[in-house]
Amino acid sequence: MITAIVYTSNSGYTAQYAELLHEKTNLPVYSLDQAKAALPEQSEIIYLGWIMASNMQGYQKAAKRYRIACACGVCMGASGSQLKEVRSATKIDASIPLFTLQGGFDMNKLHGMYKLMMQVMAKTAGKGLAEKTDRTPDEDVMLDMMLHGGNYVSEENLRPVLDWYTGQQKI
């Protein structure tokens, strides 16, 4: 039985999804650091982590301590994108449901090496997207996010996770 929501967040978007999931499920929500003191080892959890270079941050630490019922990665890309890449890079077992959720981007919320990396990425990838004449709607959103920032956290993006959770409650 799923006992909690555990997350790792860098700039706040993953924390926003964790709180939204909490509101919809009434499961307690903890950052990974808080969970260590609040949850017994091997508790069954829903894990949310931010994605960097297709790798879901904090997942391996959470997986060593808890039984992960499903994993949700928060990224700049469209919800439902990058599933194969995230599963591979993060080494998420095929038996664990995986969801990706579009979060947001705000350069001012980043610090240190993450800020430097994203400044470089926004310049190089942003320039490439800006010069592309046949951008998809998702690429337009990505370009706008890189140039101006943005928050795309929404219940609509979370709907597949909520549907999965509701299905688990019926079992």
Protein backbone atom coordinates (compact mmCIF):
# COMPACT_ATOMS: atom_id res chain seq x y z
CA MET A 1 0.00 0.00 0.00
CA ILE A 2 1.35 3.42 -0.96
CA THR A 3 2.12 5.36 2.20
CA ALA A 4 3.62 8.67 1.03
CA ILE A 5 4.88 10.97 -1.70
CA VAL A 6 8.63 11.63 -1.62
CA TYR A 7 10.38 14.15 -3.84
CA THR A 8 13.63 15.89 -4.68
CA SER A 9 13.33 19.41 -6.08
CA ASN A 10 15.91 21.91 -7.30
CA SER A 11 14.00 25.01 -8.36
CA GLY A 12 10.56 24.25 -6.92
CA TYR A 13 8.57 22.75 -9.77
CA THR A 14 8.88 19.16 -8.51
CA ALA A 15 7.84 20.33 -5.04
CA GLN A 16 4.77 21.98 -6.62
CA TYR A 17 3.79 18.69 -8.28
CA ALA A 18 4.36 16.81 -5.01
CA GLU A 19 2.04 19.24 -3.19
CA LEU A 20 -0.57 19.02 -5.96
CA LEU A 21 -0.43 15.21 -5.80
CA HIS A 22 -0.79 15.42 -2.02
CA GLU A 23 -3.91 17.61 -2.41
CA LYS A 24 -5.47 15.07 -4.78
CA THR A 25 -4.53 11.88 -2.89
CA ASN A 26 -4.27 12.97 0.76
CA LEU A 27 -0.98 11.07 0.98
CA PRO A 28 1.61 12.73 3.20
CA VAL A 29 4.39 14.46 1.28
CA TYR A 30 8.06 14.69 2.24
CA SER A 31 11.26 15.85 0.64
CA LEU A 32 13.73 12.97 0.42
CA ASP A 33 15.65 14.42 3.38
CA GLN A 34 12.47 14.73 5.49
CA ALA A 35 11.35 11.22 4.54
CA LYS A 36 14.43 9.66 6.10
CA ALA A 37 13.19 10.74 9.53
CA ALA A 38 9.47 10.28 8.87
CA LEU A 39 9.13 7.00 6.95
CA PRO A 40 10.37 3.52 7.80
CA GLU A 41 12.66 1.85 5.31
CA GLN A 42 10.83 -0.20 2.66
CA SER A 43 7.75 2.02 2.80
CA GLU A 44 5.95 2.05 -0.54
CA ILE A 45 6.08 5.52 -2.07
CA ILE A 46 5.41 7.60 -5.14
CA TYR A 47 8.71 9.28 -6.03
CA LEU A 48 9.10 12.58 -7.88
CA GLY A 49 12.45 13.95 -8.99
CA TRP A 50 13.72 16.65 -11.32
CA ILE A 51 15.39 15.58 -14.52
CA MET A 52 18.84 16.66 -15.63
CA ALA A 53 20.34 15.11 -18.77
CA SER A 54 17.61 12.42 -18.72
CA ASN A 55 18.57 11.39 -15.17
CA MET A 56 15.92 11.66 -12.44
CA GLN A 57 17.68 13.24 -9.48
CA GLY A 58 17.42 11.44 -6.14
CA TYR A 59 15.82 8.33 -7.59
CA GLN A 60 18.67 5.94 -6.76
CA LYS A 61 18.83 7.14 -3.13
CA ALA A 62 15.07 6.75 -2.78
CA ALA A 63 15.12 3.31 -4.41
CA LYS A 64 17.75 2.06 -1.94
CA ARG A 65 15.57 3.01 1.01
CA TYR A 66 11.96 2.65 -0.21
CA ARG A 67 9.80 0.54 -2.51
CA ILE A 68 8.89 2.81 -5.39
CA ALA A 69 5.36 2.24 -6.66
CA CYS A 70 5.75 4.77 -9.47
CA ALA A 71 8.24 7.42 -10.50
CA CYS A 72 7.53 10.90 -11.86
CA GLY A 73 10.26 12.97 -13.47
CA VAL A 74 9.79 16.71 -13.83
CA CYS A 75 11.41 18.23 -16.91
CA MET A 76 11.30 21.19 -19.25
CA GLY A 77 9.93 19.05 -22.07
CA ALA A 78 6.31 18.15 -22.68
CA SER A 79 4.60 15.81 -20.23
CA GLY A 80 4.92 12.23 -21.43
CA SER A 81 8.14 12.92 -23.34
CA GLN A 82 11.58 11.39 -22.76
CA LEU A 83 10.23 8.25 -21.07
CA LYS A 84 12.67 5.85 -22.73
CA GLU A 85 15.65 8.13 -22.09
CA VAL A 86 14.75 8.75 -18.43
CA ARG A 87 14.11 5.07 -17.73
CA SER A 88 17.46 4.15 -19.28
CA ALA A 89 19.59 6.93 -17.75
CA THR A 90 18.05 6.55 -14.30
CA LYS A 91 17.98 2.74 -14.44
CA ILE A 92 14.30 2.48 -13.52
CA ASP A 93 13.08 -1.11 -13.68
CA ALA A 94 10.53 -1.74 -16.44
CA SER A 95 8.00 -2.95 -13.84
CA ILE A 96 7.80 0.54 -12.26
CA PRO A 97 5.36 2.95 -13.93
CA LEU A 98 7.14 6.08 -15.11
CA PHE A 99 5.63 9.47 -15.89
CA THR A 100 7.26 12.70 -17.03
CA LEU A 101 5.69 16.02 -16.14
CA GLN A 102 6.46 19.40 -17.67
CA GLY A 103 7.64 21.69 -14.92
CA GLY A 104 9.18 25.02 -15.68
CA PHE A 105 12.30 27.09 -15.90
CA ASP A 106 13.52 30.16 -14.04
CA MET A 107 17.21 31.00 -14.35
CA ASN A 108 16.97 33.08 -11.15
CA LYS A 109 16.11 29.97 -9.11
CA LEU A 110 19.28 28.16 -10.20
CA HIS A 111 22.64 28.37 -8.47
CA GLY A 112 26.23 27.30 -8.99
CA MET A 113 27.01 24.76 -11.66
CA TYR A 114 23.33 24.22 -12.53
CA LYS A 115 22.94 27.89 -13.40
CA LEU A 116 26.12 27.87 -15.48
CA MET A 117 25.08 24.70 -17.30
CA MET A 118 21.62 26.06 -18.08
CA GLN A 119 23.02 29.40 -19.26
CA VAL A 120 25.14 27.52 -21.78
CA MET A 121 22.26 25.20 -22.74
CA ALA A 122 19.82 28.10 -23.15
CA LYS A 123 22.28 29.92 -25.41
CA THR A 124 23.17 26.95 -27.61
CA ALA A 125 19.88 25.06 -27.72
CA GLY A 126 17.90 28.29 -27.65
CA LYS A 127 19.79 29.63 -30.64
CA GLY A 128 19.23 26.39 -32.52
CA LEU A 129 15.51 26.44 -31.76
CA ALA A 130 15.20 30.13 -32.62
CA GLU A 131 16.78 29.53 -36.02
CA LYS A 132 14.62 26.49 -36.77
CA THR A 133 11.88 27.40 -39.26
CA ASP A 134 9.65 24.35 -38.74
CA ARG A 135 9.37 24.26 -34.92
CA THR A 136 6.71 22.07 -33.37
CA PRO A 137 4.34 23.56 -30.77
CA ASP A 138 6.36 21.79 -28.05
CA GLU A 139 9.56 23.36 -29.41
CA ASP A 140 7.88 26.78 -29.36
CA VAL A 141 7.06 26.28 -25.67
CA MET A 142 10.62 25.14 -24.96
CA LEU A 143 12.09 28.18 -26.74
CA ASP A 144 9.76 30.56 -24.89
CA MET A 145 10.69 28.90 -21.60
CA MET A 146 14.42 29.27 -22.31
CA LEU A 147 14.06 32.92 -23.28
CA HIS A 148 11.51 34.10 -20.73
CA GLY A 149 11.12 31.36 -18.13
CA GLY A 150 7.75 29.87 -17.27
CA ASN A 151 5.81 27.57 -15.00
CA TYR A 152 3.83 24.73 -16.60
CA VAL A 153 2.92 22.82 -13.45
CA SER A 154 -0.75 21.83 -13.75
CA GLU A 155 -3.31 19.30 -12.66
CA GLU A 156 -3.82 18.48 -16.34
CA ASN A 157 -0.18 17.37 -16.63
CA LEU A 158 -0.61 15.32 -13.44
CA ARG A 159 -3.79 13.58 -14.71
CA PRO A 160 -2.06 10.34 -15.93
CA VAL A 161 -0.44 9.92 -12.50
CA LEU A 162 -3.77 10.51 -10.76
CA ASP A 163 -5.49 8.01 -13.08
CA TRP A 164 -2.78 5.45 -12.30
CA TYR A 165 -3.14 6.09 -8.56
CA THR A 166 -6.93 5.74 -8.70
CA GLY A 167 -6.48 2.41 -10.51
CA GLN A 168 -4.12 1.22 -7.75
CA GLN A 169 -6.72 2.01 -5.10
CA LYS A 170 -9.19 -0.34 -6.78
CA ILE A 171 -6.81 -3.31 -6.63
